[in-house]
Amino acid sequence: MLRLVISGALMSAPPVRIRDLHYAVGTRPIFAGVDIDVPQGQITAVMGPSGTGKTTLLRLLTGQVAADRGRIELFGKSVGHLDKAGLYALRRRTGMLFQNGALLTDLTVFENVAFPVRAHARLPESVLRRLVLTKLEAVGLRGAAELMPSQLSGGMARRVALARAIVMDPELLIYDEPFVGLDPISMGVIVRLIRELNETLGVTSIVVSHDVEELATIAHRSYLLSEGRVVASGTPDELARSEEPVVRQFMSGAADGPVPFHFPAGDLATDILGQAEQARSRS
């Protein structure tokens, strides 16, 4: 692992480092110079209004798409320069909780959690069973091992997906909108599990979400994305005290502010009258 000596102290390089990230879809820029560090053993939140590219950032981190410019490092390796084998090796060190859980509907809860282990390791069935049941116990669902995904509530499905994400004992856990669609009780359970996994396993976590209140209770550091850049970073308390207009708008949930309500468009009257003229010309 890369080591840096700073002020006489030996410090580890962060597991995730992003520098000058640029990415566009067609002619639409998504990122235009993003810098992010994710410290070892901490929970880092990535926030931003809808459409700011939070999920796209995770796709770039895991090598599903390639950056147009800049550098993304996971565990000291440049994601953009890895071949397929190197990328798969890097992904085995990472656990992912997908936004919708992404459980395999034809497999039981047990087999959903066992799936990554069966794909990447050859374990005796007795050892595999012990491993899977231990992870299900960690999320409170050992008793649901033989249920099918269709028999689970939304919160239970998210917890099974979390058990699957940690079954390979990853060094990095990535959560993509883990609170979406959950009732307050289920949301509280997921928040507690994220915190407990970070504390007991010492795993490094990235939580992508727009749920300000929940993130404030678990994040050590937060980054706020807007218009392709990091517009603010710091502890949740520091962001809450920020006087920057875009930060205040997001943290308070205000409708009016630097982040516009309307997607860019031409003049409304011109659009409506133009369409009316075209309709008359065709009749």
C-alpha atoms as a PDB file:
ATOM      1  CA  MET A   1       0.000   0.000   0.000  1.00  0.00           C
ATOM      2  CA  LEU A   2       1.257   3.478  -0.849  1.00  0.00           C
ATOM      3  CA  ARG A   3       2.469   5.402   2.202  1.00  0.00           C
ATOM      4  CA  LEU A   4       2.986   9.126   2.598  1.00  0.00           C
ATOM      5  CA  VAL A   5       5.128  10.841   5.228  1.00  0.00           C
ATOM      6  CA  ILE A   6       3.521  14.106   6.348  1.00  0.00           C
ATOM      7  CA  SER A   7       4.915  16.232   9.214  1.00  0.00           C
ATOM      8  CA  GLY A   8       6.953  13.278  10.430  1.00  0.00           C
ATOM      9  CA  ALA A   9       3.901  11.005  10.736  1.00  0.00           C
ATOM     10  CA  LEU A  10       3.328   7.917   8.635  1.00  0.00           C
ATOM     11  CA  MET A  11      -0.077   8.086   6.964  1.00  0.00           C
ATOM     12  CA  SER A  12      -1.883   5.764   4.572  1.00  0.00           C
ATOM     13  CA  ALA A  13      -3.078   7.075   1.225  1.00  0.00           C
ATOM     14  CA  PRO A  14      -6.890   7.190   1.104  1.00  0.00           C
ATOM     15  CA  PRO A  15      -8.535   4.057  -0.358  1.00  0.00           C
ATOM     16  CA  VAL A  16     -10.407   6.247  -2.854  1.00  0.00           C
ATOM     17  CA  ARG A  17      -8.913   9.316  -4.500  1.00  0.00           C
ATOM     18  CA  ILE A  18     -10.475  11.283  -7.363  1.00  0.00           C
ATOM     19  CA  ARG A  19      -8.597  14.070  -9.113  1.00  0.00           C
ATOM     20  CA  ASP A  20      -9.787  16.475 -11.840  1.00  0.00           C
ATOM     21  CA  LEU A  21     -12.591  14.139 -12.945  1.00  0.00           C
ATOM     22  CA  HIS A  22     -14.320  15.108 -16.192  1.00  0.00           C
ATOM     23  CA  TYR A  23     -17.157  13.141 -17.759  1.00  0.00           C
ATOM     24  CA  ALA A  24     -19.902  13.983 -20.249  1.00  0.00           C
ATOM     25  CA  VAL A  25     -22.814  12.167 -21.842  1.00  0.00           C
ATOM     26  CA  GLY A  26     -22.885  13.342 -25.430  1.00  0.00           C
ATOM     27  CA  THR A  27     -22.605  17.119 -25.269  1.00  0.00           C
ATOM     28  CA  ARG A  28     -23.959  17.309 -21.715  1.00  0.00           C
ATOM     29  CA  PRO A  29     -21.200  17.643 -19.080  1.00  0.00           C
ATOM     30  CA  ILE A  30     -21.771  15.657 -15.881  1.00  0.00           C
ATOM     31  CA  PHE A  31     -18.471  16.350 -14.097  1.00  0.00           C
ATOM     32  CA  ALA A  32     -16.054  19.181 -14.782  1.00  0.00           C
ATOM     33  CA  GLY A  33     -13.137  18.848 -12.399  1.00  0.00           C
ATOM     34  CA  VAL A  34     -14.229  16.839  -9.340  1.00  0.00           C
ATOM     35  CA  ASP A  35     -11.751  16.145  -6.506  1.00  0.00           C
ATOM     36  CA  ILE A  36     -12.729  13.747  -3.692  1.00  0.00           C
ATOM     37  CA  ASP A  37     -10.788  11.846  -1.017  1.00  0.00           C
ATOM     38  CA  VAL A  38     -12.361   8.987   0.964  1.00  0.00           C
ATOM     39  CA  PRO A  39     -10.396   8.377   4.206  1.00  0.00           C
ATOM     40  CA  GLN A  40      -9.684   4.894   5.502  1.00  0.00           C
ATOM     41  CA  GLY A  41     -12.272   3.520   7.925  1.00  0.00           C
ATOM     42  CA  GLN A  42     -14.643   6.484   7.659  1.00  0.00           C
ATOM     43  CA  ILE A  43     -18.110   7.067   6.216  1.00  0.00           C
ATOM     44  CA  THR A  44     -17.982   9.587   3.380  1.00  0.00           C
ATOM     45  CA  ALA A  45     -21.259  10.990   2.059  1.00  0.00           C
ATOM     46  CA  VAL A  46     -21.717  12.219  -1.504  1.00  0.00           C
ATOM     47  CA  MET A  47     -24.781  14.430  -1.790  1.00  0.00           C
ATOM     48  CA  GLY A  48     -26.398  16.571  -4.425  1.00  0.00           C
ATOM     49  CA  PRO A  49     -29.680  17.420  -6.128  1.00  0.00           C
ATOM     50  CA  SER A  50     -31.211  14.890  -8.514  1.00  0.00           C
ATOM     51  CA  GLY A  51     -29.395  14.793 -11.826  1.00  0.00           C
ATOM     52  CA  THR A  52     -25.993  15.836 -10.491  1.00  0.00           C
ATOM     53  CA  GLY A  53     -24.410  12.497 -11.381  1.00  0.00           C
ATOM     54  CA  LYS A  54     -24.179  10.770  -7.997  1.00  0.00           C
ATOM     55  CA  THR A  55     -24.909   7.303  -9.380  1.00  0.00           C
ATOM     56  CA  THR A  56     -22.745   8.057 -12.427  1.00  0.00           C
ATOM     57  CA  LEU A  57     -19.880   8.720 -10.017  1.00  0.00           C
ATOM     58  CA  LEU A  58     -20.262   5.195  -8.644  1.00  0.00           C
ATOM     59  CA  ARG A  59     -20.236   3.746 -12.162  1.00  0.00           C
ATOM     60  CA  LEU A  60     -16.969   5.583 -12.785  1.00  0.00           C
ATOM     61  CA  LEU A  61     -15.531   4.380  -9.480  1.00  0.00           C
ATOM     62  CA  THR A  62     -16.263   0.743 -10.287  1.00  0.00           C
ATOM     63  CA  GLY A  63     -15.039   0.951 -13.878  1.00  0.00           C
ATOM     64  CA  GLN A  64     -18.418   0.478 -15.554  1.00  0.00           C
ATOM     65  CA  VAL A  65     -17.763   3.604 -17.613  1.00  0.00           C
ATOM     66  CA  ALA A  66     -14.508   5.467 -18.304  1.00  0.00           C
ATOM     67  CA  ALA A  67     -13.728   9.069 -17.407  1.00  0.00           C
ATOM     68  CA  ASP A  68     -13.070  11.531 -20.219  1.00  0.00           C
ATOM     69  CA  ARG A  69     -10.269  13.102 -18.189  1.00  0.00           C
ATOM     70  CA  GLY A  70      -8.773  12.896 -14.725  1.00  0.00           C
ATOM     71  CA  ARG A  71      -7.779  10.052 -12.439  1.00  0.00           C
ATOM     72  CA  ILE A  72      -9.739   7.695 -10.189  1.00  0.00           C
ATOM     73  CA  GLU A  73      -7.724   5.569  -7.758  1.00  0.00           C
ATOM     74  CA  LEU A  74      -9.006   2.665  -5.669  1.00  0.00           C
ATOM     75  CA  PHE A  75      -6.473   1.212  -3.218  1.00  0.00           C
ATOM     76  CA  GLY A  76      -3.693   3.024  -5.052  1.00  0.00           C
ATOM     77  CA  LYS A  77      -4.599   1.642  -8.489  1.00  0.00           C
ATOM     78  CA  SER A  78      -5.829   3.777 -11.373  1.00  0.00           C
ATOM     79  CA  VAL A  79      -9.226   2.375 -12.388  1.00  0.00           C
ATOM     80  CA  GLY A  80      -8.911   3.742 -15.917  1.00  0.00           C
ATOM     81  CA  HIS A  81      -5.674   1.850 -16.585  1.00  0.00           C
ATOM     82  CA  LEU A  82      -6.713  -1.622 -15.401  1.00  0.00           C
ATOM     83  CA  ASP A  83      -7.406  -4.543 -17.723  1.00  0.00           C
ATOM     84  CA  LYS A  84     -10.458  -6.756 -17.175  1.00  0.00           C
ATOM     85  CA  ALA A  85      -8.674  -9.086 -14.746  1.00  0.00           C
ATOM     86  CA  GLY A  86      -7.305  -6.174 -12.726  1.00  0.00           C
ATOM     87  CA  LEU A  87     -10.716  -4.505 -12.603  1.00  0.00           C
ATOM     88  CA  TYR A  88     -12.418  -7.699 -11.404  1.00  0.00           C
ATOM     89  CA  ALA A  89      -9.763  -8.138  -8.717  1.00  0.00           C
ATOM     90  CA  LEU A  90     -10.426  -4.590  -7.535  1.00  0.00           C
ATOM     91  CA  ARG A  91     -14.190  -5.164  -7.470  1.00  0.00           C
ATOM     92  CA  ARG A  92     -13.721  -8.235  -5.240  1.00  0.00           C
ATOM     93  CA  ARG A  93     -12.381  -5.860  -2.599  1.00  0.00           C
ATOM     94  CA  THR A  94     -15.538  -3.747  -2.879  1.00  0.00           C
ATOM     95  CA  GLY A  95     -19.105  -4.382  -1.714  1.00  0.00           C
ATOM     96  CA  MET A  96     -22.029  -2.625  -3.373  1.00  0.00           C
ATOM     97  CA  LEU A  97     -25.534  -1.987  -2.080  1.00  0.00           C
ATOM     98  CA  PHE A  98     -27.549  -1.155  -5.189  1.00  0.00           C
ATOM     99  CA  GLN A  99     -30.267   1.476  -5.140  1.00  0.00           C
ATOM    100  CA  ASN A 100     -33.104  -1.031  -5.594  1.00  0.00           C
ATOM    101  CA  GLY A 101     -31.429  -3.931  -3.792  1.00  0.00           C
ATOM    102  CA  ALA A 102     -31.109  -5.880  -7.070  1.00  0.00           C
ATOM    103  CA  LEU A 103     -31.901  -9.256  -5.518  1.00  0.00           C
ATOM    104  CA  LEU A 104     -32.107 -12.216  -7.882  1.00  0.00           C
ATOM    105  CA  THR A 105     -35.819 -13.016  -7.848  1.00  0.00           C
ATOM    106  CA  ASP A 106     -35.478 -16.757  -8.583  1.00  0.00           C
ATOM    107  CA  LEU A 107     -33.104 -17.414  -5.672  1.00  0.00           C
ATOM    108  CA  THR A 108     -33.838 -17.674  -1.973  1.00  0.00           C
ATOM    109  CA  VAL A 109     -32.481 -15.138   0.493  1.00  0.00           C
ATOM    110  CA  PHE A 110     -29.738 -17.622   1.421  1.00  0.00           C
ATOM    111  CA  GLU A 111     -28.696 -18.162  -2.200  1.00  0.00           C
ATOM    112  CA  ASN A 112     -28.764 -14.418  -2.942  1.00  0.00           C
ATOM    113  CA  VAL A 113     -26.232 -13.828  -0.179  1.00  0.00           C
ATOM    114  CA  ALA A 114     -24.216 -16.909  -1.171  1.00  0.00           C
ATOM    115  CA  PHE A 115     -24.077 -15.868  -4.833  1.00  0.00           C
ATOM    116  CA  PRO A 116     -20.837 -13.791  -4.713  1.00  0.00           C
ATOM    117  CA  VAL A 117     -19.066 -16.497  -2.709  1.00  0.00           C
ATOM    118  CA  ARG A 118     -20.071 -19.241  -5.136  1.00  0.00           C
ATOM    119  CA  ALA A 119     -18.871 -17.035  -8.014  1.00  0.00           C
ATOM    120  CA  HIS A 120     -15.459 -16.181  -6.539  1.00  0.00           C
ATOM    121  CA  ALA A 121     -14.498 -18.967  -4.110  1.00  0.00           C
ATOM    122  CA  ARG A 122     -14.664 -22.715  -3.626  1.00  0.00           C
ATOM    123  CA  LEU A 123     -15.801 -23.357  -0.075  1.00  0.00           C
ATOM    124  CA  PRO A 124     -17.186 -26.517   1.524  1.00  0.00           C
ATOM    125  CA  GLU A 125     -20.950 -26.233   1.811  1.00  0.00           C
ATOM    126  CA  SER A 126     -20.753 -26.307   5.616  1.00  0.00           C
ATOM    127  CA  VAL A 127     -18.352 -23.343   5.659  1.00  0.00           C
ATOM    128  CA  LEU A 128     -20.447 -21.443   3.116  1.00  0.00           C
ATOM    129  CA  ARG A 129     -23.587 -22.007   5.176  1.00  0.00           C
ATOM    130  CA  ARG A 130     -21.891 -20.734   8.334  1.00  0.00           C
ATOM    131  CA  LEU A 131     -20.624 -17.658   6.488  1.00  0.00           C
ATOM    132  CA  VAL A 132     -23.972 -16.763   4.906  1.00  0.00           C
ATOM    133  CA  LEU A 133     -25.971 -17.276   8.096  1.00  0.00           C
ATOM    134  CA  THR A 134     -23.475 -15.144  10.016  1.00  0.00           C
ATOM    135  CA  LYS A 135     -23.969 -12.258   7.573  1.00  0.00           C
ATOM    136  CA  LEU A 136     -27.754 -12.649   7.680  1.00  0.00           C
ATOM    137  CA  GLU A 137     -27.578 -12.608  11.475  1.00  0.00           C
ATOM    138  CA  ALA A 138     -25.644  -9.329  11.272  1.00  0.00           C
ATOM    139  CA  VAL A 139     -28.587  -7.700   9.462  1.00  0.00           C
ATOM    140  CA  GLY A 140     -31.204  -9.440  11.615  1.00  0.00           C
ATOM    141  CA  LEU A 141     -32.563 -11.781   8.939  1.00  0.00           C
ATOM    142  CA  ARG A 142     -31.119 -15.226   9.656  1.00  0.00           C
ATOM    143  CA  GLY A 143     -34.685 -16.471  10.134  1.00  0.00           C
ATOM    144  CA  ALA A 144     -35.588 -15.368   6.597  1.00  0.00           C
ATOM    145  CA  ALA A 145     -32.893 -17.450   4.889  1.00  0.00           C
ATOM    146  CA  GLU A 146     -35.323 -19.700   3.004  1.00  0.00           C
ATOM    147  CA  LEU A 147     -37.742 -16.965   1.930  1.00  0.00           C
ATOM    148  CA  MET A 148     -37.955 -15.712  -1.653  1.00  0.00           C
ATOM    149  CA  PRO A 149     -37.423 -12.016  -2.489  1.00  0.00           C
ATOM    150  CA  SER A 150     -41.137 -11.677  -3.322  1.00  0.00           C
ATOM    151  CA  GLN A 151     -41.929 -12.513   0.300  1.00  0.00           C
ATOM    152  CA  LEU A 152     -39.826  -9.662   1.691  1.00  0.00           C
ATOM    153  CA  SER A 153     -40.785  -6.100   2.536  1.00  0.00           C
ATOM    154  CA  GLY A 154     -38.782  -3.279   0.974  1.00  0.00           C
ATOM    155  CA  GLY A 155     -36.739  -2.791   4.122  1.00  0.00           C
ATOM    156  CA  MET A 156     -36.030  -6.522   4.462  1.00  0.00           C
ATOM    157  CA  ALA A 157     -34.932  -6.748   0.828  1.00  0.00           C
ATOM    158  CA  ARG A 158     -32.507  -3.860   1.368  1.00  0.00           C
ATOM    159  CA  ARG A 159     -31.047  -5.638   4.409  1.00  0.00           C
ATOM    160  CA  VAL A 160     -30.597  -8.889   2.446  1.00  0.00           C
ATOM    161  CA  ALA A 161     -28.811  -6.886  -0.245  1.00  0.00           C
ATOM    162  CA  LEU A 162     -26.575  -5.446   2.469  1.00  0.00           C
ATOM    163  CA  ALA A 163     -25.751  -8.934   3.749  1.00  0.00           C
ATOM    164  CA  ARG A 164     -24.782  -9.890   0.198  1.00  0.00           C
ATOM    165  CA  ALA A 165     -22.617  -6.757  -0.079  1.00  0.00           C
ATOM    166  CA  ILE A 166     -20.601  -7.706   3.024  1.00  0.00           C
ATOM    167  CA  VAL A 167     -20.413 -11.487   2.534  1.00  0.00           C
ATOM    168  CA  MET A 168     -16.944 -11.271   0.918  1.00  0.00           C
ATOM    169  CA  ASP A 169     -15.670  -9.040   3.760  1.00  0.00           C
ATOM    170  CA  PRO A 170     -14.932  -6.063   1.473  1.00  0.00           C
ATOM    171  CA  GLU A 171     -12.523  -3.293   2.353  1.00  0.00           C
ATOM    172  CA  LEU A 172     -14.784  -0.706   0.732  1.00  0.00           C
ATOM    173  CA  LEU A 173     -18.585  -0.565   0.948  1.00  0.00           C
ATOM    174  CA  ILE A 174     -20.550   1.571  -1.503  1.00  0.00           C
ATOM    175  CA  TYR A 175     -24.186   2.464  -0.848  1.00  0.00           C
ATOM    176  CA  ASP A 176     -26.238   3.872  -3.736  1.00  0.00           C
ATOM    177  CA  GLU A 177     -29.279   5.738  -2.335  1.00  0.00           C
ATOM    178  CA  PRO A 178     -29.771   3.252   0.536  1.00  0.00           C
ATOM    179  CA  PHE A 179     -32.735   5.145   2.058  1.00  0.00           C
ATOM    180  CA  VAL A 180     -34.950   5.480  -1.028  1.00  0.00           C
ATOM    181  CA  GLY A 181     -38.468   4.104  -0.624  1.00  0.00           C
ATOM    182  CA  LEU A 182     -38.071   3.014   2.993  1.00  0.00           C
ATOM    183  CA  ASP A 183     -40.501   3.715   5.819  1.00  0.00           C
ATOM    184  CA  PRO A 184     -39.077   5.526   8.885  1.00  0.00           C
ATOM    185  CA  ILE A 185     -38.497   2.298  10.835  1.00  0.00           C
ATOM    186  CA  SER A 186     -36.699   0.537   7.962  1.00  0.00           C
ATOM    187  CA  MET A 187     -34.685   3.686   7.304  1.00  0.00           C
ATOM    188  CA  GLY A 188     -33.623   3.800  10.935  1.00  0.00           C
ATOM    189  CA  VAL A 189     -32.520   0.164  10.750  1.00  0.00           C
ATOM    190  CA  ILE A 190     -30.402   0.776   7.633  1.00  0.00           C
ATOM    191  CA  VAL A 191     -28.820   3.892   9.179  1.00  0.00           C
ATOM    192  CA  ARG A 192     -27.912   1.890  12.292  1.00  0.00           C
ATOM    193  CA  LEU A 193     -26.481  -0.983  10.212  1.00  0.00           C
ATOM    194  CA  ILE A 194     -24.292   1.365   8.159  1.00  0.00           C
ATOM    195  CA  ARG A 195     -22.910   2.890  11.350  1.00  0.00           C
ATOM    196  CA  GLU A 196     -22.391  -0.474  13.082  1.00  0.00           C
ATOM    197  CA  LEU A 197     -20.677  -2.068  10.082  1.00  0.00           C
ATOM    198  CA  ASN A 198     -18.307   0.873   9.875  1.00  0.00           C
ATOM    199  CA  GLU A 199     -17.495   0.706  13.580  1.00  0.00           C
ATOM    200  CA  THR A 200     -17.234  -3.073  14.044  1.00  0.00           C
ATOM    201  CA  LEU A 201     -15.569  -4.037  10.751  1.00  0.00           C
ATOM    202  CA  GLY A 202     -13.515  -0.876  10.237  1.00  0.00           C
ATOM    203  CA  VAL A 203     -14.693  -0.819   6.624  1.00  0.00           C
ATOM    204  CA  THR A 204     -14.420   2.323   4.509  1.00  0.00           C
ATOM    205  CA  SER A 205     -17.847   3.471   3.294  1.00  0.00           C
ATOM    206  CA  ILE A 206     -19.199   5.750   0.574  1.00  0.00           C
ATOM    207  CA  VAL A 207     -22.870   6.665   0.907  1.00  0.00           C
ATOM    208  CA  VAL A 208     -24.497   8.367  -2.062  1.00  0.00           C
ATOM    209  CA  SER A 209     -27.781   9.996  -1.097  1.00  0.00           C
ATOM    210  CA  HIS A 210     -29.787  13.220  -0.937  1.00  0.00           C
ATOM    211  CA  ASP A 211     -31.223  12.460   2.518  1.00  0.00           C
ATOM    212  CA  VAL A 212     -29.551  15.214   4.527  1.00  0.00           C
ATOM    213  CA  GLU A 213     -30.910  14.305   7.960  1.00  0.00           C
ATOM    214  CA  GLU A 214     -29.921  10.637   7.801  1.00  0.00           C
ATOM    215  CA  LEU A 215     -26.441  11.377   6.462  1.00  0.00           C
ATOM    216  CA  ALA A 216     -25.844  13.929   9.212  1.00  0.00           C
ATOM    217  CA  THR A 217     -26.099  11.142  11.812  1.00  0.00           C
ATOM    218  CA  ILE A 218     -23.525   8.792  10.242  1.00  0.00           C
ATOM    219  CA  ALA A 219     -21.138  10.654   7.895  1.00  0.00           C
ATOM    220  CA  HIS A 220     -17.690  11.700   9.034  1.00  0.00           C
ATOM    221  CA  ARG A 221     -17.305  13.912   5.960  1.00  0.00           C
ATOM    222  CA  SER A 222     -19.680  15.040   3.208  1.00  0.00           C
ATOM    223  CA  TYR A 223     -19.216  16.286  -0.348  1.00  0.00           C
ATOM    224  CA  LEU A 224     -21.921  18.298  -2.085  1.00  0.00           C
ATOM    225  CA  LEU A 225     -22.035  18.094  -5.890  1.00  0.00           C
ATOM    226  CA  SER A 226     -23.661  20.703  -8.109  1.00  0.00           C
ATOM    227  CA  GLU A 227     -23.168  21.738 -11.726  1.00  0.00           C
ATOM    228  CA  GLY A 228     -20.398  19.208 -12.265  1.00  0.00           C
ATOM    229  CA  ARG A 229     -18.220  20.208  -9.318  1.00  0.00           C
ATOM    230  CA  VAL A 230     -17.775  19.800  -5.594  1.00  0.00           C
ATOM    231  CA  VAL A 231     -19.299  23.024  -4.283  1.00  0.00           C
ATOM    232  CA  ALA A 232     -18.763  22.209  -0.600  1.00  0.00           C
ATOM    233  CA  SER A 233     -17.084  19.621   1.597  1.00  0.00           C
ATOM    234  CA  GLY A 234     -16.646  19.120   5.315  1.00  0.00           C
ATOM    235  CA  THR A 235     -18.358  17.567   8.295  1.00  0.00           C
ATOM    236  CA  PRO A 236     -22.170  17.563   8.290  1.00  0.00           C
ATOM    237  CA  ASP A 237     -22.107  20.356  10.900  1.00  0.00           C
ATOM    238  CA  GLU A 238     -19.806  22.471   8.726  1.00  0.00           C
ATOM    239  CA  LEU A 239     -22.112  22.105   5.736  1.00  0.00           C
ATOM    240  CA  ALA A 240     -25.140  22.921   7.882  1.00  0.00           C
ATOM    241  CA  ARG A 241     -23.467  26.195   8.939  1.00  0.00           C
ATOM    242  CA  SER A 242     -22.356  27.158   5.424  1.00  0.00           C
ATOM    243  CA  GLU A 243     -23.446  30.540   4.068  1.00  0.00           C
ATOM    244  CA  GLU A 244     -22.974  29.499   0.425  1.00  0.00           C
ATOM    245  CA  PRO A 245     -26.364  29.899  -1.342  1.00  0.00           C
ATOM    246  CA  VAL A 246     -26.289  26.522  -3.127  1.00  0.00           C
ATOM    247  CA  VAL A 247     -25.332  24.740   0.101  1.00  0.00           C
ATOM    248  CA  ARG A 248     -28.023  26.514   2.115  1.00  0.00           C
ATOM    249  CA  GLN A 249     -30.642  25.685  -0.525  1.00  0.00           C
ATOM    250  CA  PHE A 250     -29.767  21.983  -0.550  1.00  0.00           C
ATOM    251  CA  MET A 251     -29.369  21.569   3.196  1.00  0.00           C
ATOM    252  CA  SER A 252     -32.665  23.355   3.900  1.00  0.00           C
ATOM    253  CA  GLY A 253     -34.593  21.816   0.986  1.00  0.00           C
ATOM    254  CA  ALA A 254     -35.626  25.221  -0.359  1.00  0.00           C
ATOM    255  CA  ALA A 255     -37.343  25.255  -3.771  1.00  0.00           C
ATOM    256  CA  ASP A 256     -35.884  28.635  -4.743  1.00  0.00           C
ATOM    257  CA  GLY A 257     -32.167  29.216  -5.049  1.00  0.00           C
ATOM    258  CA  PRO A 258     -29.150  28.656  -7.315  1.00  0.00           C
ATOM    259  CA  VAL A 259     -30.405  25.177  -8.286  1.00  0.00           C
ATOM    260  CA  PRO A 260     -33.217  25.915 -10.752  1.00  0.00           C
ATOM    261  CA  PHE A 261     -36.632  24.269 -10.660  1.00  0.00           C
ATOM    262  CA  HIS A 262     -36.964  24.252 -14.476  1.00  0.00           C
ATOM    263  CA  PHE A 263     -34.757  22.295 -16.828  1.00  0.00           C
ATOM    264  CA  PRO A 264     -33.278  24.722 -19.405  1.00  0.00           C
ATOM    265  CA  ALA A 265     -35.791  25.402 -22.207  1.00  0.00           C
ATOM    266  CA  GLY A 266     -36.749  28.019 -24.728  1.00  0.00           C
ATOM    267  CA  ASP A 267     -39.490  30.594 -24.386  1.00  0.00           C
ATOM    268  CA  LEU A 268     -42.799  28.912 -23.407  1.00  0.00           C
ATOM    269  CA  ALA A 269     -44.995  31.094 -25.621  1.00  0.00           C
ATOM    270  CA  THR A 270     -42.742  30.489 -28.626  1.00  0.00           C
ATOM    271  CA  ASP A 271     -42.831  26.742 -28.076  1.00  0.00           C
ATOM    272  CA  ILE A 272     -46.640  26.660 -27.719  1.00  0.00           C
ATOM    273  CA  LEU A 273     -47.390  29.044 -30.590  1.00  0.00           C
ATOM    274  CA  GLY A 274     -44.808  27.360 -32.789  1.00  0.00           C
ATOM    275  CA  GLN A 275     -46.461  23.972 -32.287  1.00  0.00           C
ATOM    276  CA  ALA A 276     -49.881  25.506 -33.001  1.00  0.00           C
ATOM    277  CA  GLU A 277     -48.606  27.006 -36.260  1.00  0.00           C
ATOM    278  CA  GLN A 278     -47.125  23.656 -37.317  1.00  0.00           C
ATOM    279  CA  ALA A 279     -50.445  21.919 -36.598  1.00  0.00           C
ATOM    280  CA  ARG A 280     -52.387  24.447 -38.723  1.00  0.00           C
ATOM    281  CA  SER A 281     -49.938  24.128 -41.599  1.00  0.00           C
ATOM    282  CA  ARG A 282     -50.398  20.349 -41.662  1.00  0.00           C
ATOM    283  CA  SER A 283     -54.207  20.554 -41.662  1.00  0.00           C
END
